[in-house]
Amino acid sequence: MIELDHFERKILRELQRDASQTTAEIADKVGLTPSPCWRRIDRLEKEGLIRKRVALLDRRKVGLNAQVFAQVKLNAHGRANLDEFSAAIGGFPEVLEAFVLLGTMDFMLRIVAKDIEAYERFFFERLSKLPGVQEINSTVALSEIKSTHELPI
């Protein structure tokens, strides 16, 4: 963990809200001049606190109307190859997030698709065919109540 001062926390909050802001705009909002603000942002990037800056898209407006959470259980042989399964799902653009779990299931995946029929194709043609998959429990999200990438800094 890297120690953050008051200004760095404010800078990170601002970048999480809108990474397209200029350094001068961020500096003004956090109470610094642009040069020291830029140096702090540069340090935060070099130290890996800021992994990258991206544009967050509205999945529905680009035609990805279905969001599914899939819990995957691997068989005993599959558990021995967690890295192989991880690499395979890492190559699926439909899988937005993947977590290794403790408990009865081994993975939790957040998957998006055009619609339920597209998810069904993905499920039968790709996900369920991965080696070692024993069971998949899919839960379709009906509505999205909260979605954020802002960490509580």
Protein backbone atom coordinates (compact mmCIF):
# COMPACT_ATOMS: atom_id res chain seq x y z
CA MET A 1 0.00 0.00 0.00
CA ILE A 2 1.26 3.45 -0.88
CA GLU A 3 0.76 6.33 1.54
CA LEU A 4 -1.34 9.09 -0.01
CA ASP A 5 -1.52 12.65 1.21
CA HIS A 6 -4.62 14.84 1.19
CA PHE A 7 -3.89 16.28 -2.28
CA GLU A 8 -3.21 12.89 -3.85
CA ARG A 9 -6.51 11.55 -2.54
CA LYS A 10 -8.32 14.55 -4.02
CA ILE A 11 -6.49 14.09 -7.33
CA LEU A 12 -7.48 10.43 -7.49
CA ARG A 13 -11.11 11.24 -6.71
CA GLU A 14 -11.14 13.82 -9.50
CA LEU A 15 -9.54 11.43 -12.00
CA GLN A 16 -12.06 8.73 -11.11
CA ARG A 17 -14.91 11.16 -11.74
CA ASP A 18 -13.52 12.42 -15.07
CA ALA A 19 -10.09 11.41 -16.37
CA SER A 20 -10.46 13.70 -19.38
CA GLN A 21 -9.87 16.78 -17.23
CA THR A 22 -6.70 18.72 -17.89
CA THR A 23 -4.03 18.91 -15.22
CA ALA A 24 -4.87 22.60 -14.80
CA GLU A 25 -8.55 21.78 -14.16
CA ILE A 26 -7.65 19.10 -11.62
CA ALA A 27 -5.11 21.39 -9.95
CA ASP A 28 -7.73 24.11 -9.59
CA LYS A 29 -10.22 21.70 -8.00
CA VAL A 30 -7.74 20.22 -5.51
CA GLY A 31 -6.02 23.46 -4.53
CA LEU A 32 -2.64 23.09 -6.25
CA THR A 33 -0.89 24.78 -9.13
CA PRO A 34 -0.57 22.75 -12.34
CA SER A 35 3.12 21.80 -12.01
CA PRO A 36 2.96 20.10 -8.60
CA CYS A 37 -0.36 18.53 -9.59
CA TRP A 38 1.21 17.09 -12.75
CA ARG A 39 4.18 15.74 -10.74
CA ARG A 40 1.82 13.99 -8.33
CA ILE A 41 -0.23 12.47 -11.15
CA ASP A 42 2.96 11.34 -12.87
CA ARG A 43 4.18 9.70 -9.64
CA LEU A 44 0.81 7.98 -9.08
CA GLU A 45 0.98 6.57 -12.62
CA LYS A 46 4.59 5.41 -12.24
CA GLU A 47 3.81 3.73 -8.92
CA GLY A 48 0.85 1.90 -10.47
CA LEU A 49 -1.98 3.51 -8.51
CA ILE A 50 -3.34 4.82 -11.79
CA ARG A 51 -3.30 1.76 -14.04
CA LYS A 52 -4.79 3.47 -17.09
CA ARG A 53 -7.30 6.09 -18.15
CA VAL A 54 -10.30 4.90 -20.10
CA ALA A 55 -13.69 6.00 -21.41
CA LEU A 56 -16.62 4.24 -19.75
CA LEU A 57 -19.24 3.30 -22.31
CA ASP A 58 -22.94 2.73 -21.85
CA ARG A 59 -23.23 -0.97 -22.71
CA ARG A 60 -26.88 -0.66 -23.76
CA LYS A 61 -26.13 2.15 -26.22
CA VAL A 62 -23.58 -0.06 -27.96
CA GLY A 63 -26.10 -2.93 -28.14
CA LEU A 64 -25.05 -5.06 -25.15
CA ASN A 65 -28.42 -5.39 -23.47
CA ALA A 66 -27.88 -8.59 -21.48
CA GLN A 67 -25.72 -8.73 -18.38
CA VAL A 68 -25.19 -12.14 -16.81
CA PHE A 69 -23.34 -13.30 -13.72
CA ALA A 70 -22.04 -16.82 -14.14
CA GLN A 71 -20.66 -18.94 -11.34
CA VAL A 72 -18.38 -21.65 -12.66
CA LYS A 73 -17.34 -24.82 -10.86
CA LEU A 74 -14.42 -26.79 -12.21
CA ASN A 75 -14.01 -30.52 -11.78
CA ALA A 76 -11.04 -31.87 -9.79
CA HIS A 77 -8.90 -32.03 -12.93
CA GLY A 78 -9.97 -28.53 -13.90
CA ARG A 79 -9.01 -27.11 -10.51
CA ALA A 80 -5.47 -28.27 -11.14
CA ASN A 81 -5.49 -26.03 -14.21
CA LEU A 82 -6.89 -22.78 -12.81
CA ASP A 83 -4.32 -20.83 -14.84
CA GLU A 84 -5.47 -22.49 -18.07
CA PHE A 85 -9.12 -21.65 -17.37
CA SER A 86 -8.16 -18.10 -16.34
CA ALA A 87 -6.22 -17.58 -19.57
CA ALA A 88 -9.12 -18.91 -21.65
CA ILE A 89 -11.74 -16.60 -20.12
CA GLY A 90 -9.26 -13.73 -20.34
CA GLY A 91 -9.50 -14.12 -24.10
CA PHE A 92 -13.29 -13.81 -24.19
CA PRO A 93 -14.29 -10.15 -24.77
CA GLU A 94 -17.78 -10.92 -23.41
CA VAL A 95 -16.26 -11.56 -19.96
CA LEU A 96 -15.78 -8.15 -18.37
CA GLU A 97 -14.76 -9.31 -14.92
CA ALA A 98 -13.62 -12.61 -13.45
CA PHE A 99 -12.98 -13.53 -9.84
CA VAL A 100 -11.61 -16.67 -8.21
CA LEU A 101 -13.88 -17.62 -5.31
CA LEU A 102 -13.62 -19.53 -2.07
CA GLY A 103 -16.59 -21.79 -1.48
CA THR A 104 -18.61 -24.17 -3.60
CA MET A 105 -17.94 -22.38 -6.89
CA ASP A 106 -14.53 -21.56 -8.32
CA PHE A 107 -15.18 -18.46 -10.46
CA MET A 108 -17.62 -15.58 -10.73
CA LEU A 109 -17.84 -13.98 -14.18
CA ARG A 110 -19.61 -10.83 -15.29
CA ILE A 111 -20.59 -11.29 -18.91
CA VAL A 112 -22.31 -8.99 -21.40
CA ALA A 113 -24.02 -9.95 -24.63
CA LYS A 114 -26.32 -8.45 -27.24
CA ASP A 115 -29.27 -10.35 -25.80
CA ILE A 116 -30.11 -13.60 -24.01
CA GLU A 117 -29.89 -15.57 -27.26
CA ALA A 118 -26.33 -14.27 -27.79
CA TYR A 119 -25.46 -15.26 -24.21
CA GLU A 120 -26.93 -18.70 -24.84
CA ARG A 121 -24.65 -19.13 -27.88
CA PHE A 122 -21.65 -17.95 -25.87
CA PHE A 123 -22.60 -20.33 -23.07
CA PHE A 124 -22.99 -23.44 -25.25
CA GLU A 125 -20.35 -22.75 -27.91
CA ARG A 126 -17.55 -21.33 -25.79
CA LEU A 127 -17.86 -21.19 -22.00
CA SER A 128 -19.26 -24.65 -21.33
CA LYS A 129 -16.75 -26.23 -23.73
CA LEU A 130 -13.71 -25.11 -21.75
CA PRO A 131 -11.75 -28.03 -20.31
CA GLY A 132 -12.50 -28.83 -16.69
CA VAL A 133 -15.87 -27.07 -16.48
CA GLN A 134 -18.21 -29.12 -14.31
CA GLU A 135 -21.06 -26.72 -13.65
CA ILE A 136 -22.18 -23.20 -14.60
CA ASN A 137 -24.92 -21.32 -12.80
CA SER A 138 -26.05 -18.23 -14.72
CA THR A 139 -28.02 -15.36 -13.23
CA VAL A 140 -29.45 -12.71 -15.54
CA ALA A 141 -29.46 -9.15 -14.20
CA LEU A 142 -32.86 -7.54 -14.81
CA SER A 143 -31.82 -3.99 -13.99
CA GLU A 144 -28.73 -2.17 -12.86
CA ILE A 145 -29.16 -0.23 -9.63
CA LYS A 146 -25.58 0.97 -9.17
CA SER A 147 -22.54 0.69 -11.36
CA THR A 148 -19.36 2.58 -10.61
CA HIS A 149 -15.62 2.19 -10.89
CA GLU A 150 -14.95 4.94 -8.34
CA LEU A 151 -13.10 3.58 -5.31
CA PRO A 152 -13.99 5.21 -1.96
CA ILE A 153 -10.72 7.09 -1.44
